[in-house]
């Protein structure tokens, strides 16, 4: 198997991680593009006989660290998501946030996460608790759930409320989702892709975003279908089936980049 063939299955998930730690599709995909450029120039940068997945995530992690360490000049414009992240990073270390994402969203264990970020398992555990406590303290939101499966909707609502957020409504169709969004002006939307009336959750969200600016987490059993890098795509995806820790991490990460919850 060639190096390209070995890497290809990991690319959708590397994009997801890159977008999550950077806060945007453009920045996240740029981190993965840097990884690919490095491997084209230096194919021996990874050992295909070892744990390739850990090595690839480590490269994205390192690229993000280099990008975050660059200080823009006075005549450069700082992207809004970077400005928001900077405000939060004064209150929570980036490394702790990445440890949380790698374990709760990407499914690495503490030892693997430690190999990616250069820390031991005990330190990873401490970082995860630090990130969880601080992000939960910083972020509170009014959330609209768009989900047509009653059991899943109830599960999501319970998790959201346990995190200290308010659920303003649960919508099951396109028209209901748009109406509830306009009525409640939520601070976050959790949206399934297929709705009860066979309408598209993506189309419902597009209509919502036409009249307001609100962060969105899409929920799907097939994230690779939405992470091709070929068109505008959601920065945040939750894969079904999910664990409560996964939903918690995704919500916290989205709100991390939402300026409406930046502490004064």
Protein backbone atom coordinates (compact mmCIF):
# COMPACT_ATOMS: atom_id res chain seq x y z
CA UNK A 1 0.00 0.00 0.00
CA UNK A 2 1.34 3.44 -0.94
CA UNK A 3 1.64 6.25 1.62
CA UNK A 4 -1.19 8.12 -0.09
CA UNK A 5 -3.49 5.10 0.16
CA UNK A 6 -2.61 4.66 3.83
CA UNK A 7 -3.32 8.31 4.66
CA UNK A 8 -6.53 8.75 2.63
CA UNK A 9 -8.96 7.14 5.15
CA UNK A 10 -7.70 9.45 7.90
CA UNK A 11 -8.13 12.73 6.01
CA UNK A 12 -11.82 13.42 6.85
CA UNK A 13 -11.10 13.01 10.54
CA UNK A 14 -7.89 15.02 10.41
CA UNK A 15 -9.93 17.82 8.82
CA UNK A 16 -12.50 17.52 11.62
CA UNK A 17 -9.77 17.81 14.26
CA UNK A 18 -8.02 20.66 12.45
CA UNK A 19 -11.27 22.60 12.15
CA UNK A 20 -12.15 21.97 15.78
CA UNK A 21 -8.86 23.19 17.25
CA UNK A 22 -8.63 26.20 14.91
CA UNK A 23 -12.31 27.16 14.83
CA UNK A 24 -12.89 27.31 11.08
CA UNK A 25 -13.00 25.18 7.94
CA UNK A 26 -10.36 27.29 6.20
CA UNK A 27 -7.85 27.24 9.03
CA UNK A 28 -8.42 23.57 9.85
CA UNK A 29 -8.11 22.42 6.27
CA UNK A 30 -4.97 24.53 6.00
CA UNK A 31 -3.39 22.54 8.82
CA UNK A 32 -4.10 19.30 6.94
CA UNK A 33 -2.81 20.81 3.69
CA UNK A 34 0.46 21.61 5.49
CA UNK A 35 0.65 17.99 6.62
CA UNK A 36 0.19 16.73 3.06
CA UNK A 37 2.78 19.17 1.71
CA UNK A 38 5.26 17.92 4.30
CA UNK A 39 4.64 14.29 3.39
CA UNK A 40 5.01 14.98 -0.33
CA UNK A 41 8.39 16.60 0.29
CA UNK A 42 9.44 14.21 3.06
CA UNK A 43 7.61 10.84 2.87
CA UNK A 44 9.89 9.49 5.59
CA UNK A 45 8.39 11.97 8.08
CA UNK A 46 6.07 9.14 9.15
CA UNK A 47 6.77 5.48 9.85
CA UNK A 48 4.08 3.43 8.10
CA UNK A 49 5.02 0.38 10.17
CA UNK A 50 4.07 2.28 13.35
CA UNK A 51 0.81 3.86 14.52
CA UNK A 52 0.14 6.07 11.49
CA UNK A 53 -3.00 7.68 12.98
CA UNK A 54 -1.14 8.96 16.05
CA UNK A 55 1.69 10.28 13.87
CA UNK A 56 -0.70 12.17 11.56
CA UNK A 57 -2.56 13.81 14.44
CA UNK A 58 0.78 14.75 15.98
CA UNK A 59 1.71 16.54 12.75
CA UNK A 60 -1.58 18.50 12.74
CA UNK A 61 -1.02 19.31 16.43
CA UNK A 62 2.49 20.58 15.70
CA UNK A 63 1.31 22.65 12.72
CA UNK A 64 -1.34 24.29 14.90
CA UNK A 65 1.25 25.04 17.56
CA UNK A 66 3.46 26.74 15.00
CA UNK A 67 0.55 28.76 13.59
CA UNK A 68 -0.63 29.81 17.05
CA UNK A 69 2.87 30.97 17.90
CA UNK A 70 3.06 33.37 14.98
CA UNK A 71 2.47 36.96 16.00
CA UNK A 72 0.82 39.05 13.27
CA UNK A 73 2.31 42.40 12.41
CA UNK A 74 0.53 45.63 13.17
CA UNK A 75 -0.71 45.92 9.59
CA UNK A 76 -2.17 42.41 9.44
CA UNK A 77 -5.81 41.55 10.02
CA UNK A 78 -6.47 38.89 12.65
CA UNK A 79 -9.26 36.45 11.72
CA UNK A 80 -12.35 36.78 13.95
CA UNK A 81 -12.10 33.20 15.18
CA UNK A 82 -8.46 33.77 16.16
CA UNK A 83 -9.39 36.91 18.09
CA UNK A 84 -12.12 35.00 19.92
CA UNK A 85 -9.75 32.11 20.63
CA UNK A 86 -7.15 34.55 21.93
CA UNK A 87 -9.66 35.96 24.40
CA UNK A 88 -10.40 32.49 25.68
CA UNK A 89 -6.79 31.30 25.61
CA UNK A 90 -6.02 33.91 28.23
CA UNK A 91 -8.19 31.77 30.50
CA UNK A 92 -7.52 28.20 29.34
CA UNK A 93 -4.33 26.63 27.97
CA UNK A 94 -4.62 25.45 24.36
CA UNK A 95 -2.93 22.17 25.26
CA UNK A 96 -5.70 21.29 27.70
CA UNK A 97 -8.33 21.95 25.04
CA UNK A 98 -6.52 19.74 22.53
CA UNK A 99 -6.24 16.93 25.08
CA UNK A 100 -10.01 17.08 25.57
CA UNK A 101 -10.70 16.99 21.83
CA UNK A 102 -8.31 14.14 21.11
CA UNK A 103 -9.88 11.91 23.77
CA UNK A 104 -13.56 12.85 23.69
CA UNK A 105 -14.02 13.58 19.97
CA UNK A 106 -11.27 11.72 18.12
CA UNK A 107 -11.35 8.62 20.33
CA UNK A 108 -7.69 8.43 21.38
CA UNK A 109 -6.90 6.98 24.79
CA UNK A 110 -4.81 8.91 27.32
CA UNK A 111 -1.55 7.22 26.30
CA UNK A 112 -2.09 7.91 22.57
CA UNK A 113 -3.08 11.49 23.31
CA UNK A 114 0.08 11.90 25.34
CA UNK A 115 2.15 10.73 22.39
CA UNK A 116 0.44 13.30 20.15
CA UNK A 117 0.84 16.30 22.46
CA UNK A 118 4.08 15.22 24.15
CA UNK A 119 2.80 14.52 27.68
CA UNK A 120 2.34 11.41 29.86
CA UNK A 121 -1.07 9.84 30.55
CA UNK A 122 -1.38 11.34 34.04
CA UNK A 123 -0.76 14.83 32.66
CA UNK A 124 -3.32 14.22 29.90
CA UNK A 125 -5.92 13.34 32.54
CA UNK A 126 -5.15 16.53 34.45
CA UNK A 127 -5.37 18.62 31.26
CA UNK A 128 -8.76 17.13 30.36
CA UNK A 129 -10.21 18.02 33.75
CA UNK A 130 -8.73 21.50 33.51
CA UNK A 131 -10.22 22.08 30.06
CA UNK A 132 -13.64 20.72 30.99
CA UNK A 133 -13.96 22.77 34.16
CA UNK A 134 -12.80 26.03 32.60
CA UNK A 135 -14.75 25.78 29.34
CA UNK A 136 -17.93 24.87 31.21
CA UNK A 137 -17.44 27.88 33.44
CA UNK A 138 -16.89 30.22 30.51
CA UNK A 139 -19.66 29.08 28.21
CA UNK A 140 -23.40 29.05 28.73
CA UNK A 141 -25.87 29.04 25.83
CA UNK A 142 -29.51 28.83 24.76
CA UNK A 143 -29.68 25.82 22.45
CA UNK A 144 -32.08 24.76 19.67
CA UNK A 145 -32.16 21.01 18.98
CA UNK A 146 -33.24 19.88 15.50
CA UNK A 147 -33.77 16.12 15.75
CA UNK A 148 -36.66 13.91 14.59
CA UNK A 149 -35.88 10.81 16.70
CA UNK A 150 -37.64 11.34 20.09
CA UNK A 151 -35.24 9.15 22.11
CA UNK A 152 -32.15 10.81 20.64
CA UNK A 153 -33.70 14.25 21.12
CA UNK A 154 -34.46 13.47 24.78
CA UNK A 155 -30.92 12.17 25.29
CA UNK A 156 -29.39 15.29 23.73
CA UNK A 157 -31.67 17.55 25.76
CA UNK A 158 -30.72 15.83 29.01
CA UNK A 159 -27.00 16.10 28.25
CA UNK A 160 -27.34 19.76 27.26
CA UNK A 161 -29.25 20.63 30.42
CA UNK A 162 -26.78 18.70 32.59
CA UNK A 163 -24.04 20.88 31.10
CA UNK A 164 -25.87 23.94 32.40
CA UNK A 165 -27.28 25.16 29.07
CA UNK A 166 -30.91 26.05 28.32
CA UNK A 167 -32.86 24.16 25.62
CA UNK A 168 -35.18 26.69 23.98
CA UNK A 169 -36.97 24.17 21.70
CA UNK A 170 -36.79 20.77 20.01
CA UNK A 171 -37.78 20.85 16.32
CA UNK A 172 -38.45 17.80 14.13
CA UNK A 173 -39.02 19.34 10.68
CA UNK A 174 -37.49 22.01 8.44
CA UNK A 175 -40.33 24.51 8.87
CA UNK A 176 -40.53 23.96 12.62
CA UNK A 177 -36.75 24.41 12.98
CA UNK A 178 -36.80 27.73 11.11
CA UNK A 179 -39.80 28.99 13.09
CA UNK A 180 -38.27 28.06 16.46
CA UNK A 181 -34.95 29.66 15.52
CA UNK A 182 -36.65 32.91 14.56
CA UNK A 183 -38.73 32.86 17.73
CA UNK A 184 -35.96 32.08 20.23
CA UNK A 185 -32.76 33.39 18.57
CA UNK A 186 -30.64 30.55 20.02
CA UNK A 187 -26.94 30.79 20.78
CA UNK A 188 -26.23 27.31 19.36
CA UNK A 189 -28.02 24.86 17.04
CA UNK A 190 -27.64 21.07 17.20
CA UNK A 191 -29.00 19.69 13.91
CA UNK A 192 -29.61 16.24 12.51
CA UNK A 193 -29.22 15.95 8.74
CA UNK A 194 -32.40 13.94 7.96
CA UNK A 195 -35.65 15.26 9.47
CA UNK A 196 -39.09 13.79 10.13
CA UNK A 197 -40.78 15.06 6.95
CA UNK A 198 -37.86 13.80 4.82
CA UNK A 199 -36.57 17.36 4.60
CA UNK A 200 -32.90 18.22 5.02
CA UNK A 201 -31.48 19.52 8.26
CA UNK A 202 -28.72 21.12 6.21
CA UNK A 203 -31.27 23.14 4.22
CA UNK A 204 -33.07 24.12 7.43
CA UNK A 205 -29.81 25.38 8.91
CA UNK A 206 -28.95 27.26 5.72
CA UNK A 207 -32.28 29.07 5.94
CA UNK A 208 -31.70 29.85 9.62
CA UNK A 209 -28.24 31.21 8.88
CA UNK A 210 -29.75 33.45 6.22
CA UNK A 211 -31.37 35.56 8.93
CA UNK A 212 -29.01 35.18 11.91
CA UNK A 213 -25.45 34.28 12.83
CA UNK A 214 -25.33 31.24 15.10
CA UNK A 215 -22.85 28.37 15.52
CA UNK A 216 -24.09 24.94 14.41
CA UNK A 217 -23.15 21.34 15.19
CA UNK A 218 -24.38 18.86 12.57
CA UNK A 219 -25.17 15.31 13.61
CA UNK A 220 -24.65 12.49 11.12
CA UNK A 221 -23.75 8.84 10.89
CA UNK A 222 -21.64 9.56 7.79
CA UNK A 223 -19.24 12.45 8.56
CA UNK A 224 -16.95 11.54 5.66
CA UNK A 225 -19.72 12.60 3.25
CA UNK A 226 -19.51 16.15 4.59
CA UNK A 227 -15.74 16.40 5.04
CA UNK A 228 -14.47 16.25 1.48
CA UNK A 229 -12.94 19.74 1.45
CA UNK A 230 -14.60 20.42 -1.93
CA UNK A 231 -17.27 22.93 -0.83
CA UNK A 232 -18.35 25.06 2.14
CA UNK A 233 -18.85 22.61 4.97
CA UNK A 234 -19.71 22.72 8.68
CA UNK A 235 -16.74 23.31 10.93
CA UNK A 236 -18.28 21.06 13.60
CA UNK A 237 -19.72 17.55 13.19
CA UNK A 238 -20.92 14.99 15.70
CA UNK A 239 -20.84 11.38 14.56
CA UNK A 240 -23.66 8.96 15.43
CA UNK A 241 -23.61 6.98 17.61
CA UNK A 242 -21.97 9.36 20.07
CA UNK A 243 -20.96 9.28 23.71
CA UNK A 244 -22.10 11.99 26.16
CA UNK A 245 -18.46 13.08 26.49
CA UNK A 246 -18.32 13.55 22.72
CA UNK A 247 -21.37 15.83 22.69
CA UNK A 248 -20.04 17.73 25.68
CA UNK A 249 -16.67 18.30 24.00
CA UNK A 250 -18.27 19.38 20.72
CA UNK A 251 -20.61 21.89 22.40
CA UNK A 252 -17.80 23.30 24.51
CA UNK A 253 -15.54 23.65 21.50
CA UNK A 254 -18.17 25.41 19.38
CA UNK A 255 -18.95 27.86 22.16
CA UNK A 256 -15.23 28.35 22.70
CA UNK A 257 -15.15 30.20 19.37
CA UNK A 258 -18.48 32.01 19.82
CA UNK A 259 -17.90 35.67 20.61
CA UNK A 260 -21.25 36.04 22.41
CA UNK A 261 -19.94 33.95 25.33
CA UNK A 262 -16.48 35.53 25.64
CA UNK A 263 -16.12 36.77 29.21
CA UNK A 264 -15.66 40.50 29.62
